[in-house]
Amino acid sequence: MTKIDQMRKGTTTMVILKLLSQVEEPLHGYEIIRQLDAASQGYFRFREGLIYPRLHQMEKDGFVESHWQGEPATRRRKVYRITERGLEQLSADVENWNDLSQTVNRLLGLEESTA
């Protein structure tokens, strides 16, 4: 696993929650992958083997809810929507991300210390 893959894996829940918080309609897994790939402009490659297990875990954690879309005799898709708990988690994750990135930037000399 590359360093970029490790970084992506560590932020996957946060970016999925962010995406779902910005859309009007629930999204199915492939659409989540497609939109995340597009938003990263190819920098990250979000694969099914990462996204689907993460969505299932997020559902267990109460961050997203899902339902089946489509008629029973047709091709059905499971779609996901962010929950109130997911919005709270996203807010906490973004705050932690800001703290972490500012601290690392200071350590690297990319940002001046505020103290």
PDB file of N, CA and C in Angstrom:
ATOM      1  N   MET A   1       0.855  -1.180   0.000  1.00  0.00           N
ATOM      2  CA  MET A   1       0.000   0.000   0.000  1.00  0.00           C
ATOM      3  C   MET A   1       0.901   1.244   0.000  1.00  0.00           C
ATOM      4  N   THR A   2       0.617   2.178  -0.899  1.00  0.00           N
ATOM      5  CA  THR A   2       1.419   3.393  -0.984  1.00  0.00           C
ATOM      6  C   THR A   2       1.048   4.349   0.140  1.00  0.00           C
ATOM      7  N   LYS A   3       1.881   5.356   0.353  1.00  0.00           N
ATOM      8  CA  LYS A   3       1.586   6.362   1.375  1.00  0.00           C
ATOM      9  C   LYS A   3       0.311   7.128   1.037  1.00  0.00           C
ATOM     10  N   ILE A   4       0.099   7.402  -0.243  1.00  0.00           N
ATOM     11  CA  ILE A   4      -1.126   8.092  -0.667  1.00  0.00           C
ATOM     12  C   ILE A   4      -2.346   7.230  -0.352  1.00  0.00           C
ATOM     13  N   ASP A   5      -2.250   5.915  -0.592  1.00  0.00           N
ATOM     14  CA  ASP A   5      -3.354   5.007  -0.269  1.00  0.00           C
ATOM     15  C   ASP A   5      -3.650   5.021   1.222  1.00  0.00           C
ATOM     16  N   GLN A   6      -2.597   5.059   2.040  1.00  0.00           N
ATOM     17  CA  GLN A   6      -2.784   5.094   3.489  1.00  0.00           C
ATOM     18  C   GLN A   6      -3.470   6.384   3.923  1.00  0.00           C
ATOM     19  N   MET A   7      -3.068   7.514   3.332  1.00  0.00           N
ATOM     20  CA  MET A   7      -3.708   8.790   3.669  1.00  0.00           C
ATOM     21  C   MET A   7      -5.174   8.797   3.251  1.00  0.00           C
ATOM     22  N   ARG A   8      -5.434   8.287   2.060  1.00  0.00           N
ATOM     23  CA  ARG A   8      -6.813   8.236   1.559  1.00  0.00           C
ATOM     24  C   ARG A   8      -7.672   7.359   2.471  1.00  0.00           C
ATOM     25  N   LYS A   9      -7.134   6.219   2.832  1.00  0.00           N
ATOM     26  CA  LYS A   9      -7.887   5.286   3.669  1.00  0.00           C
ATOM     27  C   LYS A   9      -8.250   5.920   5.011  1.00  0.00           C
ATOM     28  N   GLY A  10      -7.349   6.731   5.551  1.00  0.00           N
ATOM     29  CA  GLY A  10      -7.592   7.376   6.832  1.00  0.00           C
ATOM     30  C   GLY A  10      -8.609   8.494   6.787  1.00  0.00           C
ATOM     31  N   THR A  11      -8.920   8.979   5.607  1.00  0.00           N
ATOM     32  CA  THR A  11      -9.872  10.091   5.485  1.00  0.00           C
ATOM     33  C   THR A  11     -11.149   9.707   4.756  1.00  0.00           C
ATOM     34  N   THR A  12     -11.299   8.447   4.418  1.00  0.00           N
ATOM     35  CA  THR A  12     -12.422   8.013   3.593  1.00  0.00           C
ATOM     36  C   THR A  12     -13.774   8.297   4.239  1.00  0.00           C
ATOM     37  N   THR A  13     -13.939   7.982   5.513  1.00  0.00           N
ATOM     38  CA  THR A  13     -15.226   8.236   6.172  1.00  0.00           C
ATOM     39  C   THR A  13     -15.566   9.716   6.107  1.00  0.00           C
ATOM     40  N   MET A  14     -14.600  10.562   6.393  1.00  0.00           N
ATOM     41  CA  MET A  14     -14.839  12.000   6.405  1.00  0.00           C
ATOM     42  C   MET A  14     -15.253  12.509   5.023  1.00  0.00           C
ATOM     43  N   VAL A  15     -14.576  12.068   3.970  1.00  0.00           N
ATOM     44  CA  VAL A  15     -14.920  12.588   2.647  1.00  0.00           C
ATOM     45  C   VAL A  15     -16.252  12.036   2.144  1.00  0.00           C
ATOM     46  N   ILE A  16     -16.591  10.808   2.516  1.00  0.00           N
ATOM     47  CA  ILE A  16     -17.917  10.279   2.155  1.00  0.00           C
ATOM     48  C   ILE A  16     -19.001  11.089   2.866  1.00  0.00           C
ATOM     49  N   LEU A  17     -18.817  11.326   4.160  1.00  0.00           N
ATOM     50  CA  LEU A  17     -19.803  12.113   4.903  1.00  0.00           C
ATOM     51  C   LEU A  17     -19.938  13.515   4.314  1.00  0.00           C
ATOM     52  N   LYS A  18     -18.825  14.117   3.945  1.00  0.00           N
ATOM     53  CA  LYS A  18     -18.866  15.454   3.354  1.00  0.00           C
ATOM     54  C   LYS A  18     -19.651  15.439   2.045  1.00  0.00           C
ATOM     55  N   LEU A  19     -19.371  14.477   1.197  1.00  0.00           N
ATOM     56  CA  LEU A  19     -20.098  14.360  -0.071  1.00  0.00           C
ATOM     57  C   LEU A  19     -21.589  14.196   0.174  1.00  0.00           C
ATOM     58  N   LEU A  20     -21.951  13.267   1.059  1.00  0.00           N
ATOM     59  CA  LEU A  20     -23.380  13.020   1.318  1.00  0.00           C
ATOM     60  C   LEU A  20     -24.068  14.227   1.957  1.00  0.00           C
ATOM     61  N   SER A  21     -23.299  15.052   2.665  1.00  0.00           N
ATOM     62  CA  SER A  21     -23.890  16.248   3.275  1.00  0.00           C
ATOM     63  C   SER A  21     -24.175  17.330   2.244  1.00  0.00           C
ATOM     64  N   GLN A  22     -23.591  17.225   1.064  1.00  0.00           N
ATOM     65  CA  GLN A  22     -23.710  18.258   0.041  1.00  0.00           C
ATOM     66  C   GLN A  22     -24.732  17.947  -1.045  1.00  0.00           C
ATOM     67  N   VAL A  23     -25.251  16.739  -1.064  1.00  0.00           N
ATOM     68  CA  VAL A  23     -26.161  16.345  -2.153  1.00  0.00           C
ATOM     69  C   VAL A  23     -27.602  16.340  -1.669  1.00  0.00           C
ATOM     70  N   GLU A  24     -28.501  16.560  -2.600  1.00  0.00           N
ATOM     71  CA  GLU A  24     -29.934  16.596  -2.281  1.00  0.00           C
ATOM     72  C   GLU A  24     -30.529  15.191  -2.135  1.00  0.00           C
ATOM     73  N   GLU A  25     -30.116  14.299  -3.013  1.00  0.00           N
ATOM     74  CA  GLU A  25     -30.679  12.951  -3.064  1.00  0.00           C
ATOM     75  C   GLU A  25     -29.672  11.932  -2.544  1.00  0.00           C
ATOM     76  N   PRO A  26     -30.139  10.807  -2.020  1.00  0.00           N
ATOM     77  CA  PRO A  26     -29.217   9.746  -1.609  1.00  0.00           C
ATOM     78  C   PRO A  26     -28.416   9.248  -2.820  1.00  0.00           C
ATOM     79  N   LEU A  27     -27.211   8.764  -2.573  1.00  0.00           N
ATOM     80  CA  LEU A  27     -26.339   8.261  -3.638  1.00  0.00           C
ATOM     81  C   LEU A  27     -26.066   6.778  -3.450  1.00  0.00           C
ATOM     82  N   HIS A  28     -25.929   6.059  -4.557  1.00  0.00           N
ATOM     83  CA  HIS A  28     -25.515   4.663  -4.479  1.00  0.00           C
ATOM     84  C   HIS A  28     -23.995   4.606  -4.488  1.00  0.00           C
ATOM     85  N   GLY A  29     -23.445   3.474  -4.108  1.00  0.00           N
ATOM     86  CA  GLY A  29     -22.007   3.340  -3.916  1.00  0.00           C
ATOM     87  C   GLY A  29     -21.181   3.722  -5.128  1.00  0.00           C
ATOM     88  N   TYR A  30     -21.587   3.277  -6.309  1.00  0.00           N
ATOM     89  CA  TYR A  30     -20.809   3.594  -7.505  1.00  0.00           C
ATOM     90  C   TYR A  30     -20.797   5.098  -7.758  1.00  0.00           C
ATOM     91  N   GLU A  31     -21.907   5.775  -7.515  1.00  0.00           N
ATOM     92  CA  GLU A  31     -21.968   7.224  -7.696  1.00  0.00           C
ATOM     93  C   GLU A  31     -21.076   7.935  -6.679  1.00  0.00           C
ATOM     94  N   ILE A  32     -21.009   7.419  -5.462  1.00  0.00           N
ATOM     95  CA  ILE A  32     -20.104   7.975  -4.458  1.00  0.00           C
ATOM     96  C   ILE A  32     -18.667   7.850  -4.948  1.00  0.00           C
ATOM     97  N   ILE A  33     -18.295   6.682  -5.438  1.00  0.00           N
ATOM     98  CA  ILE A  33     -16.945   6.467  -5.964  1.00  0.00           C
ATOM     99  C   ILE A  33     -16.665   7.427  -7.108  1.00  0.00           C
ATOM    100  N   ARG A  34     -17.588   7.536  -8.043  1.00  0.00           N
ATOM    101  CA  ARG A  34     -17.405   8.393  -9.214  1.00  0.00           C
ATOM    102  C   ARG A  34     -17.212   9.852  -8.803  1.00  0.00           C
ATOM    103  N   GLN A  35     -18.042  10.330  -7.882  1.00  0.00           N
ATOM    104  CA  GLN A  35     -17.943  11.732  -7.468  1.00  0.00           C
ATOM    105  C   GLN A  35     -16.670  12.012  -6.660  1.00  0.00           C
ATOM    106  N   LEU A  36     -16.271  11.068  -5.823  1.00  0.00           N
ATOM    107  CA  LEU A  36     -15.035  11.265  -5.063  1.00  0.00           C
ATOM    108  C   LEU A  36     -13.816  11.255  -5.988  1.00  0.00           C
ATOM    109  N   ASP A  37     -13.803  10.341  -6.956  1.00  0.00           N
ATOM    110  CA  ASP A  37     -12.705  10.313  -7.923  1.00  0.00           C
ATOM    111  C   ASP A  37     -12.630  11.637  -8.676  1.00  0.00           C
ATOM    112  N   ALA A  38     -13.781  12.141  -9.106  1.00  0.00           N
ATOM    113  CA  ALA A  38     -13.816  13.403  -9.855  1.00  0.00           C
ATOM    114  C   ALA A  38     -13.350  14.565  -8.979  1.00  0.00           C
ATOM    115  N   ALA A  39     -13.811  14.608  -7.741  1.00  0.00           N
ATOM    116  CA  ALA A  39     -13.443  15.705  -6.839  1.00  0.00           C
ATOM    117  C   ALA A  39     -11.950  15.700  -6.527  1.00  0.00           C
ATOM    118  N   SER A  40     -11.340  14.523  -6.471  1.00  0.00           N
ATOM    119  CA  SER A  40      -9.897  14.450  -6.193  1.00  0.00           C
ATOM    120  C   SER A  40      -9.081  14.640  -7.469  1.00  0.00           C
ATOM    121  N   GLN A  41      -9.748  14.811  -8.593  1.00  0.00           N
ATOM    122  CA  GLN A  41      -9.102  15.001  -9.897  1.00  0.00           C
ATOM    123  C   GLN A  41      -8.088  13.906 -10.189  1.00  0.00           C
ATOM    124  N   GLY A  42      -8.447  12.686  -9.793  1.00  0.00           N
ATOM    125  CA  GLY A  42      -7.606  11.534 -10.071  1.00  0.00           C
ATOM    126  C   GLY A  42      -6.461  11.325  -9.095  1.00  0.00           C
ATOM    127  N   TYR A  43      -6.308  12.210  -8.124  1.00  0.00           N
ATOM    128  CA  TYR A  43      -5.220  12.065  -7.159  1.00  0.00           C
ATOM    129  C   TYR A  43      -5.406  10.808  -6.313  1.00  0.00           C
ATOM    130  N   PHE A  44      -6.623  10.616  -5.838  1.00  0.00           N
ATOM    131  CA  PHE A  44      -6.975   9.402  -5.114  1.00  0.00           C
ATOM    132  C   PHE A  44      -7.807   8.525  -6.038  1.00  0.00           C
ATOM    133  N   ARG A  45      -7.673   7.217  -5.873  1.00  0.00           N
ATOM    134  CA  ARG A  45      -8.508   6.264  -6.595  1.00  0.00           C
ATOM    135  C   ARG A  45      -9.346   5.534  -5.551  1.00  0.00           C
ATOM    136  N   PHE A  46     -10.623   5.844  -5.511  1.00  0.00           N
ATOM    137  CA  PHE A  46     -11.522   5.202  -4.567  1.00  0.00           C
ATOM    138  C   PHE A  46     -12.069   3.949  -5.225  1.00  0.00           C
ATOM    139  N   ARG A  47     -11.806   2.827  -4.624  1.00  0.00           N
ATOM    140  CA  ARG A  47     -12.195   1.532  -5.188  1.00  0.00           C
ATOM    141  C   ARG A  47     -13.348   0.930  -4.391  1.00  0.00           C
ATOM    142  N   GLU A  48     -14.057   0.007  -5.054  1.00  0.00           N
ATOM    143  CA  GLU A  48     -15.187  -0.658  -4.410  1.00  0.00           C
ATOM    144  C   GLU A  48     -14.773  -1.360  -3.126  1.00  0.00           C
ATOM    145  N   GLY A  49     -13.574  -1.959  -3.131  1.00  0.00           N
ATOM    146  CA  GLY A  49     -13.088  -2.695  -1.968  1.00  0.00           C
ATOM    147  C   GLY A  49     -12.829  -1.824  -0.753  1.00  0.00           C
ATOM    148  N   LEU A  50     -12.748  -0.523  -0.954  1.00  0.00           N
ATOM    149  CA  LEU A  50     -12.603   0.428   0.150  1.00  0.00           C
ATOM    150  C   LEU A  50     -13.950   1.046   0.512  1.00  0.00           C
ATOM    151  N   ILE A  51     -14.697   1.474  -0.495  1.00  0.00           N
ATOM    152  CA  ILE A  51     -15.914   2.250  -0.262  1.00  0.00           C
ATOM    153  C   ILE A  51     -17.053   1.408   0.311  1.00  0.00           C
ATOM    154  N   TYR A  52     -17.344   0.250  -0.280  1.00  0.00           N
ATOM    155  CA  TYR A  52     -18.494  -0.523   0.192  1.00  0.00           C
ATOM    156  C   TYR A  52     -18.345  -1.016   1.636  1.00  0.00           C
ATOM    157  N   PRO A  53     -17.195  -1.574   2.012  1.00  0.00           N
ATOM    158  CA  PRO A  53     -17.060  -1.944   3.426  1.00  0.00           C
ATOM    159  C   PRO A  53     -17.168  -0.728   4.357  1.00  0.00           C
ATOM    160  N   ARG A  54     -16.638   0.414   3.915  1.00  0.00           N
ATOM    161  CA  ARG A  54     -16.713   1.614   4.735  1.00  0.00           C
ATOM    162  C   ARG A  54     -18.164   2.072   4.873  1.00  0.00           C
ATOM    163  N   LEU A  55     -18.939   2.034   3.789  1.00  0.00           N
ATOM    164  CA  LEU A  55     -20.356   2.397   3.863  1.00  0.00           C
ATOM    165  C   LEU A  55     -21.106   1.481   4.826  1.00  0.00           C
ATOM    166  N   HIS A  56     -20.813   0.188   4.769  1.00  0.00           N
ATOM    167  CA  HIS A  56     -21.482  -0.757   5.676  1.00  0.00           C
ATOM    168  C   HIS A  56     -21.137  -0.453   7.131  1.00  0.00           C
ATOM    169  N   GLN A  57     -19.860  -0.128   7.403  1.00  0.00           N
ATOM    170  CA  GLN A  57     -19.459   0.213   8.761  1.00  0.00           C
ATOM    171  C   GLN A  57     -20.106   1.521   9.202  1.00  0.00           C
ATOM    172  N   MET A  58     -20.164   2.490   8.302  1.00  0.00           N
ATOM    173  CA  MET A  58     -20.779   3.778   8.617  1.00  0.00           C
ATOM    174  C   MET A  58     -22.262   3.611   8.926  1.00  0.00           C
ATOM    175  N   GLU A  59     -22.896   2.665   8.239  1.00  0.00           N
ATOM    176  CA  GLU A  59     -24.302   2.381   8.515  1.00  0.00           C
ATOM    177  C   GLU A  59     -24.445   1.763   9.909  1.00  0.00           C
ATOM    178  N   LYS A  60     -23.574   0.831  10.255  1.00  0.00           N
ATOM    179  CA  LYS A  60     -23.599   0.232  11.598  1.00  0.00           C
ATOM    180  C   LYS A  60     -23.362   1.281  12.674  1.00  0.00           C
ATOM    181  N   ASP A  61     -22.487   2.260  12.367  1.00  0.00           N
ATOM    182  CA  ASP A  61     -22.168   3.318  13.324  1.00  0.00           C
ATOM    183  C   ASP A  61     -23.255   4.388  13.410  1.00  0.00           C
ATOM    184  N   GLY A  62     -24.230   4.316  12.512  1.00  0.00           N
ATOM    185  CA  GLY A  62     -25.327   5.287  12.518  1.00  0.00           C
ATOM    186  C   GLY A  62     -25.008   6.589  11.800  1.00  0.00           C
ATOM    187  N   PHE A  63     -23.925   6.625  11.021  1.00  0.00           N
ATOM    188  CA  PHE A  63     -23.544   7.839  10.305  1.00  0.00           C
ATOM    189  C   PHE A  63     -24.314   8.003   8.996  1.00  0.00           C
ATOM    190  N   VAL A  64     -24.729   6.884   8.407  1.00  0.00           N
ATOM    191  CA  VAL A  64     -25.539   6.908   7.192  1.00  0.00           C
ATOM    192  C   VAL A  64     -26.684   5.930   7.355  1.00  0.00           C
ATOM    193  N   GLU A  65     -27.716   6.160   6.567  1.00  0.00           N
ATOM    194  CA  GLU A  65     -28.812   5.195   6.489  1.00  0.00           C
ATOM    195  C   GLU A  65     -28.987   4.847   5.024  1.00  0.00           C
ATOM    196  N   SER A  66     -29.538   3.689   4.762  1.00  0.00           N
ATOM    197  CA  SER A  66     -29.687   3.248   3.381  1.00  0.00           C
ATOM    198  C   SER A  66     -31.085   2.707   3.142  1.00  0.00           C
ATOM    199  N   HIS A  67     -31.423   2.669   1.874  1.00  0.00           N
ATOM    200  CA  HIS A  67     -32.637   1.975   1.441  1.00  0.00           C
ATOM    201  C   HIS A  67     -32.438   1.547  -0.004  1.00  0.00           C
ATOM    202  N   TRP A  68     -33.263   0.588  -0.419  1.00  0.00           N
ATOM    203  CA  TRP A  68     -33.178   0.094  -1.785  1.00  0.00           C
ATOM    204  C   TRP A  68     -34.036   0.972  -2.679  1.00  0.00           C
ATOM    205  N   GLN A  69     -33.477   1.318  -3.818  1.00  0.00           N
ATOM    206  CA  GLN A  69     -34.171   2.159  -4.787  1.00  0.00           C
ATOM    207  C   GLN A  69     -34.441   1.322  -6.028  1.00  0.00           C
ATOM    208  N   GLY A  70     -35.642   1.424  -6.561  1.00  0.00           N
ATOM    209  CA  GLY A  70     -36.016   0.670  -7.757  1.00  0.00           C
ATOM    210  C   GLY A  70     -37.075  -0.368  -7.429  1.00  0.00           C
ATOM    211  N   GLU A  71     -37.727  -0.817  -8.455  1.00  0.00           N
ATOM    212  CA  GLU A  71     -38.781  -1.832  -8.310  1.00  0.00           C
ATOM    213  C   GLU A  71     -38.165  -3.207  -8.091  1.00  0.00           C
ATOM    214  N   PRO A  72     -38.834  -4.069  -7.299  1.00  0.00           N
ATOM    215  CA  PRO A  72     -38.273  -5.385  -6.983  1.00  0.00           C
ATOM    216  C   PRO A  72     -37.886  -6.227  -8.201  1.00  0.00           C
ATOM    217  N   ALA A  73     -38.624  -6.149  -9.294  1.00  0.00           N
ATOM    218  CA  ALA A  73     -38.333  -6.983 -10.463  1.00  0.00           C
ATOM    219  C   ALA A  73     -37.288  -6.349 -11.384  1.00  0.00           C
ATOM    220  N   THR A  74     -36.792  -5.169 -11.018  1.00  0.00           N
ATOM    221  CA  THR A  74     -35.809  -4.481 -11.854  1.00  0.00           C
ATOM    222  C   THR A  74     -34.472  -4.419 -11.121  1.00  0.00           C
ATOM    223  N   ARG A  75     -33.511  -3.775 -11.763  1.00  0.00           N
ATOM    224  CA  ARG A  75     -32.210  -3.580 -11.128  1.00  0.00           C
ATOM    225  C   ARG A  75     -32.379  -2.584  -9.986  1.00  0.00           C
ATOM    226  N   ARG A  76     -32.055  -3.023  -8.792  1.00  0.00           N
ATOM    227  CA  ARG A  76     -32.207  -2.175  -7.611  1.00  0.00           C
ATOM    228  C   ARG A  76     -30.831  -1.763  -7.115  1.00  0.00           C
ATOM    229  N   ARG A  77     -30.806  -0.587  -6.522  1.00  0.00           N
ATOM    230  CA  ARG A  77     -29.555  -0.066  -5.969  1.00  0.00           C
ATOM    231  C   ARG A  77     -29.779   0.357  -4.537  1.00  0.00           C
ATOM    232  N   LYS A  78     -28.786   0.091  -3.723  1.00  0.00           N
ATOM    233  CA  LYS A  78     -28.827   0.558  -2.348  1.00  0.00           C
ATOM    234  C   LYS A  78     -28.256   1.971  -2.334  1.00  0.00           C
ATOM    235  N   VAL A  79     -29.033   2.910  -1.807  1.00  0.00           N
ATOM    236  CA  VAL A  79     -28.597   4.300  -1.769  1.00  0.00           C
ATOM    237  C   VAL A  79     -28.408   4.728  -0.319  1.00  0.00           C
ATOM    238  N   TYR A  80     -27.519   5.708  -0.138  1.00  0.00           N
ATOM    239  CA  TYR A  80     -27.108   6.135   1.196  1.00  0.00           C
ATOM    240  C   TYR A  80     -27.369   7.620   1.391  1.00  0.00           C
ATOM    241  N   ARG A  81     -27.767   7.945   2.611  1.00  0.00           N
ATOM    242  CA  ARG A  81     -28.017   9.324   3.010  1.00  0.00           C
ATOM    243  C   ARG A  81     -27.361   9.527   4.377  1.00  0.00           C
ATOM    244  N   ILE A  82     -26.811  10.714   4.592  1.00  0.00           N
ATOM    245  CA  ILE A  82     -26.179  11.034   5.869  1.00  0.00           C
ATOM    246  C   ILE A  82     -27.257  11.229   6.943  1.00  0.00           C
ATOM    247  N   THR A  83     -26.964  10.829   8.165  1.00  0.00           N
ATOM    248  CA  THR A  83     -27.890  10.999   9.287  1.00  0.00           C
ATOM    249  C   THR A  83     -27.450  12.201  10.132  1.00  0.00           C
ATOM    250  N   GLU A  84     -28.257  12.547  11.099  1.00  0.00           N
ATOM    251  CA  GLU A  84     -27.891  13.618  12.027  1.00  0.00           C
ATOM    252  C   GLU A  84     -26.599  13.251  12.768  1.00  0.00           C
ATOM    253  N   ARG A  85     -26.500  12.005  13.161  1.00  0.00           N
ATOM    254  CA  ARG A  85     -25.273  11.540  13.830  1.00  0.00           C
ATOM    255  C   ARG A  85     -24.074  11.646  12.890  1.00  0.00           C
ATOM    256  N   GLY A  86     -24.297  11.374  11.609  1.00  0.00           N
ATOM    257  CA  GLY A  86     -23.236  11.511  10.616  1.00  0.00           C
ATOM    258  C   GLY A  86     -22.794  12.956  10.460  1.00  0.00           C
ATOM    259  N   LEU A  87     -23.741  13.888  10.505  1.00  0.00           N
ATOM    260  CA  LEU A  87     -23.395  15.311  10.429  1.00  0.00           C
ATOM    261  C   LEU A  87     -22.565  15.736  11.636  1.00  0.00           C
ATOM    262  N   GLU A  88     -22.925  15.221  12.806  1.00  0.00           N
ATOM    263  CA  GLU A  88     -22.152  15.517  14.018  1.00  0.00           C
ATOM    264  C   GLU A  88     -20.742  14.944  13.905  1.00  0.00           C
ATOM    265  N   GLN A  89     -20.637  13.726  13.391  1.00  0.00           N
ATOM    266  CA  GLN A  89     -19.325  13.094  13.216  1.00  0.00           C
ATOM    267  C   GLN A  89     -18.491  13.877  12.209  1.00  0.00           C
ATOM    268  N   LEU A  90     -19.112  14.305  11.118  1.00  0.00           N
ATOM    269  CA  LEU A  90     -18.405  15.092  10.113  1.00  0.00           C
ATOM    270  C   LEU A  90     -17.853  16.374  10.720  1.00  0.00           C
ATOM    271  N   SER A  91     -18.651  17.053  11.498  1.00  0.00           N
ATOM    272  CA  SER A  91     -18.212  18.290  12.135  1.00  0.00           C
ATOM    273  C   SER A  91     -16.994  18.038  13.029  1.00  0.00           C
ATOM    274  N   ALA A  92     -17.052  16.975  13.826  1.00  0.00           N
ATOM    275  CA  ALA A  92     -15.932  16.632  14.708  1.00  0.00           C
ATOM    276  C   ALA A  92     -14.696  16.243  13.899  1.00  0.00           C
ATOM    277  N   ASP A  93     -14.891  15.461  12.827  1.00  0.00           N
ATOM    278  CA  ASP A  93     -13.766  15.040  11.995  1.00  0.00           C
ATOM    279  C   ASP A  93     -13.095  16.225  11.316  1.00  0.00           C
ATOM    280  N   VAL A  94     -13.883  17.169  10.817  1.00  0.00           N
ATOM    281  CA  VAL A  94     -13.321  18.344  10.147  1.00  0.00           C
ATOM    282  C   VAL A  94     -12.540  19.197  11.148  1.00  0.00           C
ATOM    283  N   GLU A  95     -13.073  19.345  12.340  1.00  0.00           N
ATOM    284  CA  GLU A  95     -12.360  20.097  13.382  1.00  0.00           C
ATOM    285  C   GLU A  95     -11.023  19.421  13.717  1.00  0.00           C
ATOM    286  N   ASN A  96     -11.049  18.097  13.886  1.00  0.00           N
ATOM    287  CA  ASN A  96      -9.815  17.357  14.166  1.00  0.00           C
ATOM    288  C   ASN A  96      -8.839  17.458  12.998  1.00  0.00           C
ATOM    289  N   TRP A  97      -9.359  17.386  11.776  1.00  0.00           N
ATOM    290  CA  TRP A  97      -8.507  17.490  10.589  1.00  0.00           C
ATOM    291  C   TRP A  97      -7.822  18.861  10.544  1.00  0.00           C
ATOM    292  N   ASN A  98      -8.581  19.915  10.825  1.00  0.00           N
ATOM    293  CA  ASN A  98      -8.007  21.260  10.832  1.00  0.00           C
ATOM    294  C   ASN A  98      -6.888  21.376  11.868  1.00  0.00           C
ATOM    295  N   ASP A  99      -7.133  20.863  13.063  1.00  0.00           N
ATOM    296  CA  ASP A  99      -6.111  20.901  14.117  1.00  0.00           C
ATOM    297  C   ASP A  99      -4.863  20.128  13.698  1.00  0.00           C
ATOM    298  N   LEU A 100      -5.064  18.935  13.176  1.00  0.00           N
ATOM    299  CA  LEU A 100      -3.947  18.092  12.752  1.00  0.00           C
ATOM    300  C   LEU A 100      -3.156  18.756  11.629  1.00  0.00           C
ATOM    301  N   SER A 101      -3.851  19.213  10.592  1.00  0.00           N
ATOM    302  CA  SER A 101      -3.139  19.777   9.444  1.00  0.00           C
ATOM    303  C   SER A 101      -2.399  21.055   9.820  1.00  0.00           C
ATOM    304  N   GLN A 102      -2.981  21.894  10.676  1.00  0.00           N
ATOM    305  CA  GLN A 102      -2.289  23.107  11.111  1.00  0.00           C
ATOM    306  C   GLN A 102      -1.037  22.764  11.913  1.00  0.00           C
ATOM    307  N   THR A 103      -1.138  21.773  12.776  1.00  0.00           N
ATOM    308  CA  THR A 103       0.015  21.372  13.590  1.00  0.00           C
ATOM    309  C   THR A 103       1.122  20.794  12.713  1.00  0.00           C
ATOM    310  N   VAL A 104       0.772  19.922  11.792  1.00  0.00           N
ATOM    311  CA  VAL A 104       1.776  19.342  10.906  1.00  0.00           C
ATOM    312  C   VAL A 104       2.402  20.441  10.036  1.00  0.00           C
ATOM    313  N   ASN A 105       1.595  21.358   9.543  1.00  0.00           N
ATOM    314  CA  ASN A 105       2.132  22.466   8.743  1.00  0.00           C
ATOM    315  C   ASN A 105       3.120  23.310   9.554  1.00  0.00           C
ATOM    316  N   ARG A 106       2.805  23.557  10.825  1.00  0.00           N
ATOM    317  CA  ARG A 106       3.742  24.293  11.685  1.00  0.00           C
ATOM    318  C   ARG A 106       5.035  23.517  11.863  1.00  0.00           C
ATOM    319  N   LEU A 107       4.914  22.218  12.096  1.00  0.00           N
ATOM    320  CA  LEU A 107       6.108  21.387  12.273  1.00  0.00           C
ATOM    321  C   LEU A 107       6.984  21.362  11.028  1.00  0.00           C
ATOM    322  N   LEU A 108       6.356  21.461   9.874  1.00  0.00           N
ATOM    323  CA  LEU A 108       7.098  21.444   8.612  1.00  0.00           C
ATOM    324  C   LEU A 108       7.570  22.834   8.190  1.00  0.00           C
ATOM    325  N   GLY A 109       7.197  23.846   8.958  1.00  0.00           N
ATOM    326  CA  GLY A 109       7.589  25.203   8.610  1.00  0.00           C
ATOM    327  C   GLY A 109       6.772  25.799   7.491  1.00  0.00           C
ATOM    328  N   LEU A 110       5.609  25.229   7.220  1.00  0.00           N
ATOM    329  CA  LEU A 110       4.735  25.715   6.160  1.00  0.00           C
ATOM    330  C   LEU A 110       3.742  26.752   6.656  1.00  0.00           C
ATOM    331  N   GLU A 111       3.649  26.875   7.967  1.00  0.00           N
ATOM    332  CA  GLU A 111       2.708  27.797   8.591  1.00  0.00           C
ATOM    333  C   GLU A 111       3.375  28.358   9.842  1.00  0.00           C
ATOM    334  N   GLU A 112       3.185  29.632  10.074  1.00  0.00           N
ATOM    335  CA  GLU A 112       3.778  30.256  11.268  1.00  0.00           C
ATOM    336  C   GLU A 112       2.995  29.884  12.511  1.00  0.00           C
ATOM    337  N   SER A 113       3.697  29.787  13.603  1.00  0.00           N
ATOM    338  CA  SER A 113       3.071  29.498  14.886  1.00  0.00           C
ATOM    339  C   SER A 113       2.274  30.719  15.354  1.00  0.00           C
ATOM    340  N   THR A 114       1.113  30.466  15.948  1.00  0.00           N
ATOM    341  CA  THR A 114       0.265  31.547  16.442  1.00  0.00           C
ATOM    342  C   THR A 114       0.585  31.888  17.895  1.00  0.00           C
ATOM    343  N   ALA A 115       1.456  31.117  18.513  1.00  0.00           N
ATOM    344  CA  ALA A 115       1.795  31.349  19.930  1.00  0.00           C
ATOM    345  C   ALA A 115       2.896  32.363  20.106  1.00  0.00           C
TER     346      ALA A 115
END
